[in-house]
PDB file of N, CA and C in Angstrom:
ATOM      1  N   MET A   1       0.971  -1.454   0.151  1.00  0.00           N
ATOM      2  CA  MET A   1       0.061  -0.071  -0.168  1.00  0.00           C
ATOM      3  C   MET A   1       0.891   1.263  -0.023  1.00  0.00           C
ATOM      4  N   ILE A   2       0.480   2.133  -0.799  1.00  0.00           N
ATOM      5  CA  ILE A   2       1.130   3.434  -1.124  1.00  0.00           C
ATOM      6  C   ILE A   2       0.060   4.339  -0.084  1.00  0.00           C
ATOM      7  N   SER A   3       1.125   4.909   1.077  1.00  0.00           N
ATOM      8  CA  SER A   3       0.466   5.846   1.801  1.00  0.00           C
ATOM      9  C   SER A   3       0.589   7.291   1.314  1.00  0.00           C
ATOM     10  N   GLY A   4       0.008   8.416   1.316  1.00  0.00           N
ATOM     11  CA  GLY A   4       0.204   9.963   1.079  1.00  0.00           C
ATOM     12  C   GLY A   4       1.325  10.406   1.589  1.00  0.00           C
ATOM     13  N   CYS A   5       1.130  10.064   2.869  1.00  0.00           N
ATOM     14  CA  CYS A   5       2.392  10.771   3.986  1.00  0.00           C
ATOM     15  C   CYS A   5       2.833   9.639   5.023  1.00  0.00           C
ATOM     16  N   GLN A   6       3.874  10.396   5.717  1.00  0.00           N
ATOM     17  CA  GLN A   6       3.733   9.393   7.053  1.00  0.00           C
ATOM     18  C   GLN A   6       2.655   9.566   8.116  1.00  0.00           C
ATOM     19  N   ASP A   7       2.938   8.815   9.200  1.00  0.00           N
ATOM     20  CA  ASP A   7       1.817   9.204  10.199  1.00  0.00           C
ATOM     21  C   ASP A   7       1.626  10.335  11.015  1.00  0.00           C
ATOM     22  N   SER A   8       2.396  11.003  10.871  1.00  0.00           N
ATOM     23  CA  SER A   8       2.380  12.316  11.577  1.00  0.00           C
ATOM     24  C   SER A   8       2.566  13.344  11.013  1.00  0.00           C
ATOM     25  N   GLN A   9       2.036  13.305   9.487  1.00  0.00           N
ATOM     26  CA  GLN A   9       1.722  14.507   8.375  1.00  0.00           C
ATOM     27  C   GLN A   9       0.287  14.022   7.799  1.00  0.00           C
ATOM     28  N   THR A  10       0.266  14.944   7.286  1.00  0.00           N
ATOM     29  CA  THR A  10      -1.495  15.331   6.667  1.00  0.00           C
ATOM     30  C   THR A  10      -1.145  14.858   4.969  1.00  0.00           C
ATOM     31  N   SER A  11      -2.007  14.336   4.411  1.00  0.00           N
ATOM     32  CA  SER A  11      -1.673  14.325   2.742  1.00  0.00           C
ATOM     33  C   SER A  11      -2.544  16.035   2.520  1.00  0.00           C
ATOM     34  N   ALA A  12      -1.631  16.475   1.111  1.00  0.00           N
ATOM     35  CA  ALA A  12      -2.521  17.686   0.921  1.00  0.00           C
ATOM     36  C   ALA A  12      -3.120  17.053  -0.497  1.00  0.00           C
ATOM     37  N   ASP A  13      -4.331  18.088  -0.307  1.00  0.00           N
ATOM     38  CA  ASP A  13      -5.145  18.177  -1.840  1.00  0.00           C
ATOM     39  C   ASP A  13      -4.478  19.308  -2.902  1.00  0.00           C
ATOM     40  N   VAL A  14      -4.716  18.754  -4.102  1.00  0.00           N
ATOM     41  CA  VAL A  14      -4.600  19.878  -5.242  1.00  0.00           C
ATOM     42  C   VAL A  14      -5.593  20.354  -5.347  1.00  0.00           C
ATOM     43  N   TRP A  15      -5.582  21.468  -5.696  1.00  0.00           N
ATOM     44  CA  TRP A  15      -6.812  22.436  -6.224  1.00  0.00           C
ATOM     45  C   TRP A  15      -7.009  22.310  -7.952  1.00  0.00           C
ATOM     46  N   ASN A  16      -5.853  21.841  -8.233  1.00  0.00           N
ATOM     47  CA  ASN A  16      -5.518  21.672 -10.236  1.00  0.00           C
ATOM     48  C   ASN A  16      -4.636  21.034 -10.249  1.00  0.00           C
ATOM     49  N   VAL A  17      -4.938  19.667 -10.833  1.00  0.00           N
ATOM     50  CA  VAL A  17      -4.012  18.935 -10.970  1.00  0.00           C
ATOM     51  C   VAL A  17      -3.109  19.130 -12.037  1.00  0.00           C
ATOM     52  N   GLN A  18      -3.557  19.972 -12.910  1.00  0.00           N
ATOM     53  CA  GLN A  18      -2.640  20.517 -14.144  1.00  0.00           C
ATOM     54  C   GLN A  18      -1.102  21.028 -14.336  1.00  0.00           C
ATOM     55  N   SER A  19      -1.536  21.328 -12.814  1.00  0.00           N
ATOM     56  CA  SER A  19       0.768  21.300 -12.224  1.00  0.00           C
ATOM     57  C   SER A  19       1.362  20.515 -12.186  1.00  0.00           C
ATOM     58  N   PHE A  20       0.565  19.200 -12.133  1.00  0.00           N
ATOM     59  CA  PHE A  20       1.535  17.925 -12.316  1.00  0.00           C
ATOM     60  C   PHE A  20       1.876  17.678 -13.383  1.00  0.00           C
ATOM     61  N   GLY A  21       1.242  18.350 -14.962  1.00  0.00           N
ATOM     62  CA  GLY A  21       1.034  17.796 -15.981  1.00  0.00           C
ATOM     63  C   GLY A  21       0.529  16.676 -16.250  1.00  0.00           C
ATOM     64  N   LEU A  22      -0.401  15.982 -15.932  1.00  0.00           N
ATOM     65  CA  LEU A  22      -1.227  14.924 -16.200  1.00  0.00           C
ATOM     66  C   LEU A  22      -2.007  15.378 -17.510  1.00  0.00           C
ATOM     67  N   PRO A  23      -1.976  13.945 -18.010  1.00  0.00           N
ATOM     68  CA  PRO A  23      -2.309  14.060 -19.706  1.00  0.00           C
ATOM     69  C   PRO A  23      -4.182  14.473 -19.332  1.00  0.00           C
ATOM     70  N   ASP A  24      -4.934  15.179 -19.679  1.00  0.00           N
ATOM     71  CA  ASP A  24      -5.930  16.020 -20.068  1.00  0.00           C
ATOM     72  C   ASP A  24      -6.864  16.012 -18.369  1.00  0.00           C
ATOM     73  N   PRO A  25      -5.933  16.994 -17.592  1.00  0.00           N
ATOM     74  CA  PRO A  25      -6.715  16.746 -16.254  1.00  0.00           C
ATOM     75  C   PRO A  25      -7.917  17.741 -15.950  1.00  0.00           C
ATOM     76  N   ALA A  26      -8.438  18.506 -17.243  1.00  0.00           N
ATOM     77  CA  ALA A  26      -9.492  19.829 -17.097  1.00  0.00           C
ATOM     78  C   ALA A  26      -9.718  20.441 -15.770  1.00  0.00           C
ATOM     79  N   GLY A  27      -8.341  20.760 -15.308  1.00  0.00           N
ATOM     80  CA  GLY A  27      -8.354  21.499 -13.787  1.00  0.00           C
ATOM     81  C   GLY A  27      -9.246  20.908 -12.899  1.00  0.00           C
ATOM     82  N   ARG A  28      -9.027  19.833 -12.845  1.00  0.00           N
ATOM     83  CA  ARG A  28      -9.763  19.193 -11.562  1.00  0.00           C
ATOM     84  C   ARG A  28      -8.746  19.174 -10.231  1.00  0.00           C
ATOM     85  N   SER A  29      -9.319  18.849  -9.168  1.00  0.00           N
ATOM     86  CA  SER A  29      -8.960  18.656  -8.364  1.00  0.00           C
ATOM     87  C   SER A  29      -8.212  17.102  -7.881  1.00  0.00           C
ATOM     88  N   GLY A  30      -7.519  17.016  -6.568  1.00  0.00           N
ATOM     89  CA  GLY A  30      -7.303  15.636  -6.370  1.00  0.00           C
ATOM     90  C   GLY A  30      -6.267  15.876  -5.378  1.00  0.00           C
ATOM     91  N   GLY A  31      -5.616  14.373  -5.367  1.00  0.00           N
ATOM     92  CA  GLY A  31      -4.625  14.325  -4.169  1.00  0.00           C
ATOM     93  C   GLY A  31      -3.129  14.585  -4.167  1.00  0.00           C
ATOM     94  N   ALA A  32      -2.411  15.185  -3.727  1.00  0.00           N
ATOM     95  CA  ALA A  32      -0.927  15.613  -4.262  1.00  0.00           C
ATOM     96  C   ALA A  32      -0.482  14.430  -4.762  1.00  0.00           C
ATOM     97  N   CYS A  33      -0.424  13.158  -3.424  1.00  0.00           N
ATOM     98  CA  CYS A  33       0.322  11.551  -3.942  1.00  0.00           C
ATOM     99  C   CYS A  33      -0.366  11.026  -5.187  1.00  0.00           C
ATOM    100  N   THR A  34      -1.351  10.879  -5.296  1.00  0.00           N
ATOM    101  CA  THR A  34      -2.311  10.386  -6.427  1.00  0.00           C
ATOM    102  C   THR A  34      -1.448  10.947  -7.672  1.00  0.00           C
ATOM    103  N   SER A  35      -1.691  12.280  -7.716  1.00  0.00           N
ATOM    104  CA  SER A  35      -0.890  12.993  -8.917  1.00  0.00           C
ATOM    105  C   SER A  35       0.539  12.897  -8.970  1.00  0.00           C
ATOM    106  N   ALA A  36       1.271  12.614  -7.997  1.00  0.00           N
ATOM    107  CA  ALA A  36       2.725  12.283  -8.532  1.00  0.00           C
ATOM    108  C   ALA A  36       2.713  11.170  -8.646  1.00  0.00           C
ATOM    109  N   LEU A  37       2.069   9.769  -8.363  1.00  0.00           N
ATOM    110  CA  LEU A  37       2.250   8.510  -8.696  1.00  0.00           C
ATOM    111  C   LEU A  37       1.674   8.723 -10.184  1.00  0.00           C
ATOM    112  N   LEU A  38       0.684   9.519 -10.641  1.00  0.00           N
ATOM    113  CA  LEU A  38       0.363   9.206 -11.851  1.00  0.00           C
ATOM    114  C   LEU A  38       1.152   9.655 -12.985  1.00  0.00           C
ATOM    115  N   LYS A  39       1.766  10.797 -12.009  1.00  0.00           N
ATOM    116  CA  LYS A  39       3.046  11.384 -13.133  1.00  0.00           C
ATOM    117  C   LYS A  39       4.265  10.510 -13.460  1.00  0.00           C
ATOM    118  N   VAL A  40       4.599   9.801 -12.397  1.00  0.00           N
ATOM    119  CA  VAL A  40       5.368   8.844 -12.625  1.00  0.00           C
ATOM    120  C   VAL A  40       4.826   7.834 -13.356  1.00  0.00           C
ATOM    121  N   LEU A  41       3.886   6.978 -13.472  1.00  0.00           N
ATOM    122  CA  LEU A  41       3.453   6.297 -14.264  1.00  0.00           C
ATOM    123  C   LEU A  41       3.072   6.341 -15.557  1.00  0.00           C
ATOM    124  N   TYR A  42       2.641   7.416 -15.573  1.00  0.00           N
ATOM    125  CA  TYR A  42       2.875   8.011 -17.049  1.00  0.00           C
ATOM    126  C   TYR A  42       4.014   8.211 -17.796  1.00  0.00           C
ATOM    127  N   ALA A  43       5.044   8.789 -17.183  1.00  0.00           N
ATOM    128  CA  ALA A  43       6.413   8.869 -17.430  1.00  0.00           C
ATOM    129  C   ALA A  43       7.097   7.472 -17.884  1.00  0.00           C
ATOM    130  N   ASP A  44       6.993   6.232 -16.843  1.00  0.00           N
ATOM    131  CA  ASP A  44       7.471   5.116 -16.992  1.00  0.00           C
ATOM    132  C   ASP A  44       6.917   4.602 -18.222  1.00  0.00           C
ATOM    133  N   HIS A  45       5.210   4.664 -18.501  1.00  0.00           N
ATOM    134  CA  HIS A  45       4.978   3.753 -19.632  1.00  0.00           C
ATOM    135  C   HIS A  45       5.446   4.630 -20.566  1.00  0.00           C
ATOM    136  N   ARG A  46       5.983   5.548 -20.947  1.00  0.00           N
ATOM    137  CA  ARG A  46       6.622   5.737 -22.372  1.00  0.00           C
ATOM    138  C   ARG A  46       8.112   4.996 -22.613  1.00  0.00           C
ATOM    139  N   LYS A  47       8.550   4.253 -21.855  1.00  0.00           N
ATOM    140  CA  LYS A  47       9.478   3.301 -21.739  1.00  0.00           C
ATOM    141  C   LYS A  47       9.401   1.904 -21.311  1.00  0.00           C
ATOM    142  N   LEU A  48       8.737   1.525 -22.356  1.00  0.00           N
ATOM    143  CA  LEU A  48       8.287  -0.349 -22.088  1.00  0.00           C
ATOM    144  C   LEU A  48       9.399  -0.996 -21.450  1.00  0.00           C
ATOM    145  N   ASP A  49      10.725  -1.005 -22.153  1.00  0.00           N
ATOM    146  CA  ASP A  49      11.750  -1.684 -21.809  1.00  0.00           C
ATOM    147  C   ASP A  49      12.319  -1.321 -20.585  1.00  0.00           C
ATOM    148  N   ASP A  50      11.939  -0.408 -19.726  1.00  0.00           N
ATOM    149  CA  ASP A  50      12.350  -0.268 -18.283  1.00  0.00           C
ATOM    150  C   ASP A  50      11.712   0.306 -17.370  1.00  0.00           C
ATOM    151  N   ASP A  51      10.946  -0.959 -16.839  1.00  0.00           N
ATOM    152  CA  ASP A  51      10.240  -0.838 -15.767  1.00  0.00           C
ATOM    153  C   ASP A  51      10.709  -0.584 -14.280  1.00  0.00           C
ATOM    154  N   LEU A  52      10.221   0.531 -13.801  1.00  0.00           N
ATOM    155  CA  LEU A  52      10.554   0.918 -12.727  1.00  0.00           C
ATOM    156  C   LEU A  52      10.309   0.039 -11.454  1.00  0.00           C
ATOM    157  N   THR A  53      11.193  -0.009 -10.509  1.00  0.00           N
ATOM    158  CA  THR A  53      11.222  -1.006  -9.283  1.00  0.00           C
ATOM    159  C   THR A  53      10.300  -0.219  -7.769  1.00  0.00           C
ATOM    160  N   PHE A  54       9.771  -0.782  -6.918  1.00  0.00           N
ATOM    161  CA  PHE A  54       9.008  -0.257  -6.336  1.00  0.00           C
ATOM    162  C   PHE A  54       9.713   0.999  -5.267  1.00  0.00           C
ATOM    163  N   VAL A  55      10.966   1.031  -5.286  1.00  0.00           N
ATOM    164  CA  VAL A  55      11.839   1.640  -4.527  1.00  0.00           C
ATOM    165  C   VAL A  55      11.595   3.041  -5.396  1.00  0.00           C
ATOM    166  N   GLU A  56      12.250   2.817  -6.914  1.00  0.00           N
ATOM    167  CA  GLU A  56      11.971   3.814  -7.419  1.00  0.00           C
ATOM    168  C   GLU A  56      10.979   4.752  -7.892  1.00  0.00           C
ATOM    169  N   VAL A  57       9.775   4.375  -7.546  1.00  0.00           N
ATOM    170  CA  VAL A  57       8.456   5.034  -7.973  1.00  0.00           C
ATOM    171  C   VAL A  57       8.276   5.732  -6.465  1.00  0.00           C
ATOM    172  N   LEU A  58       8.656   5.245  -5.307  1.00  0.00           N
ATOM    173  CA  LEU A  58       8.443   5.986  -4.419  1.00  0.00           C
ATOM    174  C   LEU A  58       9.583   6.953  -4.388  1.00  0.00           C
ATOM    175  N   ASP A  59      10.702   6.851  -4.500  1.00  0.00           N
ATOM    176  CA  ASP A  59      11.748   7.613  -4.644  1.00  0.00           C
ATOM    177  C   ASP A  59      11.250   8.820  -5.805  1.00  0.00           C
ATOM    178  N   LYS A  60      10.472   8.482  -6.643  1.00  0.00           N
ATOM    179  CA  LYS A  60      10.354   9.924  -7.809  1.00  0.00           C
ATOM    180  C   LYS A  60       9.219  10.526  -7.372  1.00  0.00           C
ATOM    181  N   MET A  61       8.291   9.487  -6.396  1.00  0.00           N
ATOM    182  CA  MET A  61       7.041  10.374  -6.104  1.00  0.00           C
ATOM    183  C   MET A  61       7.636  11.211  -4.951  1.00  0.00           C
ATOM    184  N   ARG A  62       8.350  11.361  -4.288  1.00  0.00           N
ATOM    185  CA  ARG A  62       8.958  11.925  -2.997  1.00  0.00           C
ATOM    186  C   ARG A  62       9.598  13.286  -3.697  1.00  0.00           C
ATOM    187  N   GLU A  63      10.508  12.891  -4.934  1.00  0.00           N
ATOM    188  CA  GLU A  63      11.144  13.917  -5.427  1.00  0.00           C
ATOM    189  C   GLU A  63      10.039  14.883  -6.330  1.00  0.00           C
ATOM    190  N   ILE A  64       8.887  14.420  -6.585  1.00  0.00           N
ATOM    191  CA  ILE A  64       8.164  15.322  -7.314  1.00  0.00           C
ATOM    192  C   ILE A  64       7.277  16.053  -6.376  1.00  0.00           C
ATOM    193  N   LEU A  65       6.822  15.628  -5.690  1.00  0.00           N
ATOM    194  CA  LEU A  65       6.206  16.381  -4.110  1.00  0.00           C
ATOM    195  C   LEU A  65       7.067  17.073  -3.637  1.00  0.00           C
ATOM    196  N   SER A  66       8.271  17.035  -3.350  1.00  0.00           N
ATOM    197  CA  SER A  66       9.272  17.810  -2.780  1.00  0.00           C
ATOM    198  C   SER A  66       9.650  19.178  -3.630  1.00  0.00           C
ATOM    199  N   GLU A  67       9.801  18.866  -5.102  1.00  0.00           N
ATOM    200  CA  GLU A  67       9.886  20.002  -6.095  1.00  0.00           C
ATOM    201  C   GLU A  67       8.790  21.312  -6.023  1.00  0.00           C
ATOM    202  N   GLY A  68       7.599  20.311  -5.692  1.00  0.00           N
ATOM    203  CA  GLY A  68       6.455  21.051  -5.721  1.00  0.00           C
ATOM    204  C   GLY A  68       5.961  22.051  -4.604  1.00  0.00           C
ATOM    205  N   GLU A  69       6.650  21.697  -3.464  1.00  0.00           N
ATOM    206  CA  GLU A  69       6.847  22.067  -2.153  1.00  0.00           C
ATOM    207  C   GLU A  69       5.806  21.687  -1.577  1.00  0.00           C
ATOM    208  N   TYR A  70       5.440  20.261  -1.513  1.00  0.00           N
ATOM    209  CA  TYR A  70       4.686  19.809  -0.434  1.00  0.00           C
ATOM    210  C   TYR A  70       5.533  18.835   0.411  1.00  0.00           C
ATOM    211  N   THR A  71       5.218  19.183   1.706  1.00  0.00           N
ATOM    212  CA  THR A  71       6.142  18.640   2.777  1.00  0.00           C
ATOM    213  C   THR A  71       5.922  17.074   2.972  1.00  0.00           C
ATOM    214  N   GLN A  72       4.699  16.460   2.708  1.00  0.00           N
ATOM    215  CA  GLN A  72       4.472  15.091   2.660  1.00  0.00           C
ATOM    216  C   GLN A  72       5.356  14.402   2.265  1.00  0.00           C
ATOM    217  N   ILE A  73       5.596  13.315   2.681  1.00  0.00           N
ATOM    218  CA  ILE A  73       6.597  12.058   2.305  1.00  0.00           C
ATOM    219  C   ILE A  73       5.950  10.652   2.317  1.00  0.00           C
ATOM    220  N   PRO A  74       5.339  10.328   0.711  1.00  0.00           N
ATOM    221  CA  PRO A  74       4.422   8.857   0.801  1.00  0.00           C
ATOM    222  C   PRO A  74       5.771   7.910   1.514  1.00  0.00           C
ATOM    223  N   GLN A  75       4.442   7.077   2.091  1.00  0.00           N
ATOM    224  CA  GLN A  75       5.109   5.755   2.656  1.00  0.00           C
ATOM    225  C   GLN A  75       5.001   4.197   1.895  1.00  0.00           C
ATOM    226  N   LEU A  76       5.544   3.237   1.765  1.00  0.00           N
ATOM    227  CA  LEU A  76       5.399   2.014   1.316  1.00  0.00           C
ATOM    228  C   LEU A  76       4.987   1.074   2.266  1.00  0.00           C
ATOM    229  N   SER A  77       3.946   0.641   2.400  1.00  0.00           N
ATOM    230  CA  SER A  77       3.909  -0.419   3.628  1.00  0.00           C
ATOM    231  C   SER A  77       3.098  -1.774   3.115  1.00  0.00           C
ATOM    232  N   SER A  78       3.386  -3.066   3.586  1.00  0.00           N
ATOM    233  CA  SER A  78       2.840  -4.359   3.398  1.00  0.00           C
ATOM    234  C   SER A  78       2.749  -5.210   4.434  1.00  0.00           C
ATOM    235  N   SER A  79       1.790  -5.818   4.588  1.00  0.00           N
ATOM    236  CA  SER A  79       1.766  -7.183   5.638  1.00  0.00           C
ATOM    237  C   SER A  79       2.524  -8.022   5.215  1.00  0.00           C
ATOM    238  N   ARG A  80       3.034  -8.086   4.414  1.00  0.00           N
ATOM    239  CA  ARG A  80       4.071  -9.369   3.835  1.00  0.00           C
ATOM    240  C   ARG A  80       5.430  -8.752   3.372  1.00  0.00           C
ATOM    241  N   ALA A  81       6.450  -9.666   3.502  1.00  0.00           N
ATOM    242  CA  ALA A  81       7.610  -9.173   3.125  1.00  0.00           C
ATOM    243  C   ALA A  81       7.726  -9.354   1.521  1.00  0.00           C
ATOM    244  N   MET A  82       8.553  -8.344   1.005  1.00  0.00           N
ATOM    245  CA  MET A  82       8.219  -8.222  -0.494  1.00  0.00           C
ATOM    246  C   MET A  82       9.827  -7.583  -0.753  1.00  0.00           C
ATOM    247  N   ASP A  83       9.997  -7.668  -2.201  1.00  0.00           N
ATOM    248  CA  ASP A  83      11.100  -7.676  -2.741  1.00  0.00           C
ATOM    249  C   ASP A  83      10.956  -6.243  -3.644  1.00  0.00           C
ATOM    250  N   LEU A  84      11.568  -5.145  -2.513  1.00  0.00           N
ATOM    251  CA  LEU A  84      11.289  -3.812  -3.282  1.00  0.00           C
ATOM    252  C   LEU A  84      12.260  -3.231  -4.480  1.00  0.00           C
ATOM    253  N   GLU A  85      13.080  -4.288  -4.849  1.00  0.00           N
ATOM    254  CA  GLU A  85      13.538  -4.113  -6.455  1.00  0.00           C
ATOM    255  C   GLU A  85      13.163  -4.779  -7.281  1.00  0.00           C
ATOM    256  N   LEU A  86      11.873  -5.590  -7.134  1.00  0.00           N
ATOM    257  CA  LEU A  86      10.815  -5.846  -8.338  1.00  0.00           C
ATOM    258  C   LEU A  86      10.421  -4.734  -9.131  1.00  0.00           C
ATOM    259  N   PRO A  87      10.128  -4.949 -10.349  1.00  0.00           N
ATOM    260  CA  PRO A  87       9.392  -4.277 -10.766  1.00  0.00           C
ATOM    261  C   PRO A  87       7.860  -3.719 -10.186  1.00  0.00           C
ATOM    262  N   PHE A  88       7.818  -2.203  -9.936  1.00  0.00           N
ATOM    263  CA  PHE A  88       6.271  -2.039  -9.746  1.00  0.00           C
ATOM    264  C   PHE A  88       5.270  -2.230 -10.606  1.00  0.00           C
ATOM    265  N   HIS A  89       4.295  -3.175 -10.131  1.00  0.00           N
ATOM    266  CA  HIS A  89       3.026  -3.084 -10.468  1.00  0.00           C
ATOM    267  C   HIS A  89       1.738  -2.936  -9.915  1.00  0.00           C
ATOM    268  N   LEU A  90       0.826  -2.450 -10.751  1.00  0.00           N
ATOM    269  CA  LEU A  90      -0.499  -2.269  -9.517  1.00  0.00           C
ATOM    270  C   LEU A  90      -1.240  -3.288  -9.328  1.00  0.00           C
ATOM    271  N   VAL A  91      -1.045  -4.542 -10.470  1.00  0.00           N
ATOM    272  CA  VAL A  91      -1.856  -5.652 -10.407  1.00  0.00           C
ATOM    273  C   VAL A  91      -0.794  -7.071 -10.410  1.00  0.00           C
ATOM    274  N   SER A  92      -1.185  -8.393  -9.589  1.00  0.00           N
ATOM    275  CA  SER A  92      -0.142  -9.245  -9.580  1.00  0.00           C
ATOM    276  C   SER A  92       0.495  -9.642 -11.083  1.00  0.00           C
ATOM    277  N   GLN A  93       1.539  -9.965 -11.268  1.00  0.00           N
ATOM    278  CA  GLN A  93       1.917 -10.236 -12.828  1.00  0.00           C
ATOM    279  C   GLN A  93       1.928 -12.155 -12.812  1.00  0.00           C
ATOM    280  N   LYS A  94       1.346 -12.439 -11.229  1.00  0.00           N
ATOM    281  CA  LYS A  94       1.584 -14.168 -11.305  1.00  0.00           C
ATOM    282  C   LYS A  94      -0.023 -14.172 -12.438  1.00  0.00           C
ATOM    283  N   GLU A  95       0.539 -16.069 -12.712  1.00  0.00           N
ATOM    284  CA  GLU A  95      -0.811 -16.592 -13.111  1.00  0.00           C
ATOM    285  C   GLU A  95      -1.967 -16.825 -12.447  1.00  0.00           C
ATOM    286  N   ASP A  96      -1.759 -17.001 -11.394  1.00  0.00           N
ATOM    287  CA  ASP A  96      -2.710 -17.186  -9.772  1.00  0.00           C
ATOM    288  C   ASP A  96      -2.550 -16.113  -9.098  1.00  0.00           C
ATOM    289  N   ALA A  97      -3.037 -14.816  -9.435  1.00  0.00           N
ATOM    290  CA  ALA A  97      -3.179 -13.965  -8.539  1.00  0.00           C
ATOM    291  C   ALA A  97      -4.269 -14.287  -7.655  1.00  0.00           C
ATOM    292  N   THR A  98      -4.280 -15.055  -6.558  1.00  0.00           N
ATOM    293  CA  THR A  98      -5.165 -15.335  -5.821  1.00  0.00           C
ATOM    294  C   THR A  98      -4.604 -14.506  -4.512  1.00  0.00           C
ATOM    295  N   ASP A  99      -3.269 -14.186  -4.159  1.00  0.00           N
ATOM    296  CA  ASP A  99      -2.869 -14.027  -2.814  1.00  0.00           C
ATOM    297  C   ASP A  99      -1.912 -12.384  -2.821  1.00  0.00           C
TER     298      ASP A  99
END
């Protein structure tokens, strides 16, 4: 799970996600962390042969938020041990994606 910030912080809202350079935002509002994640994933989608790892996605999200002067620091948590150097995927890449 990706959290928008540390437990001691508050996740910021963005009144205009266009500031993140997302495709067709139409000036809508949204979460700063979600907008940063989408920006990272849209940029990575253009590089089909070079998937980002979980750590790289989180680092890039933190960098985008910091550059935008957001103080929140996104966090990654899991109830199970996981290899953070594996490619980041929103859904399981296993054939039997039951767990």
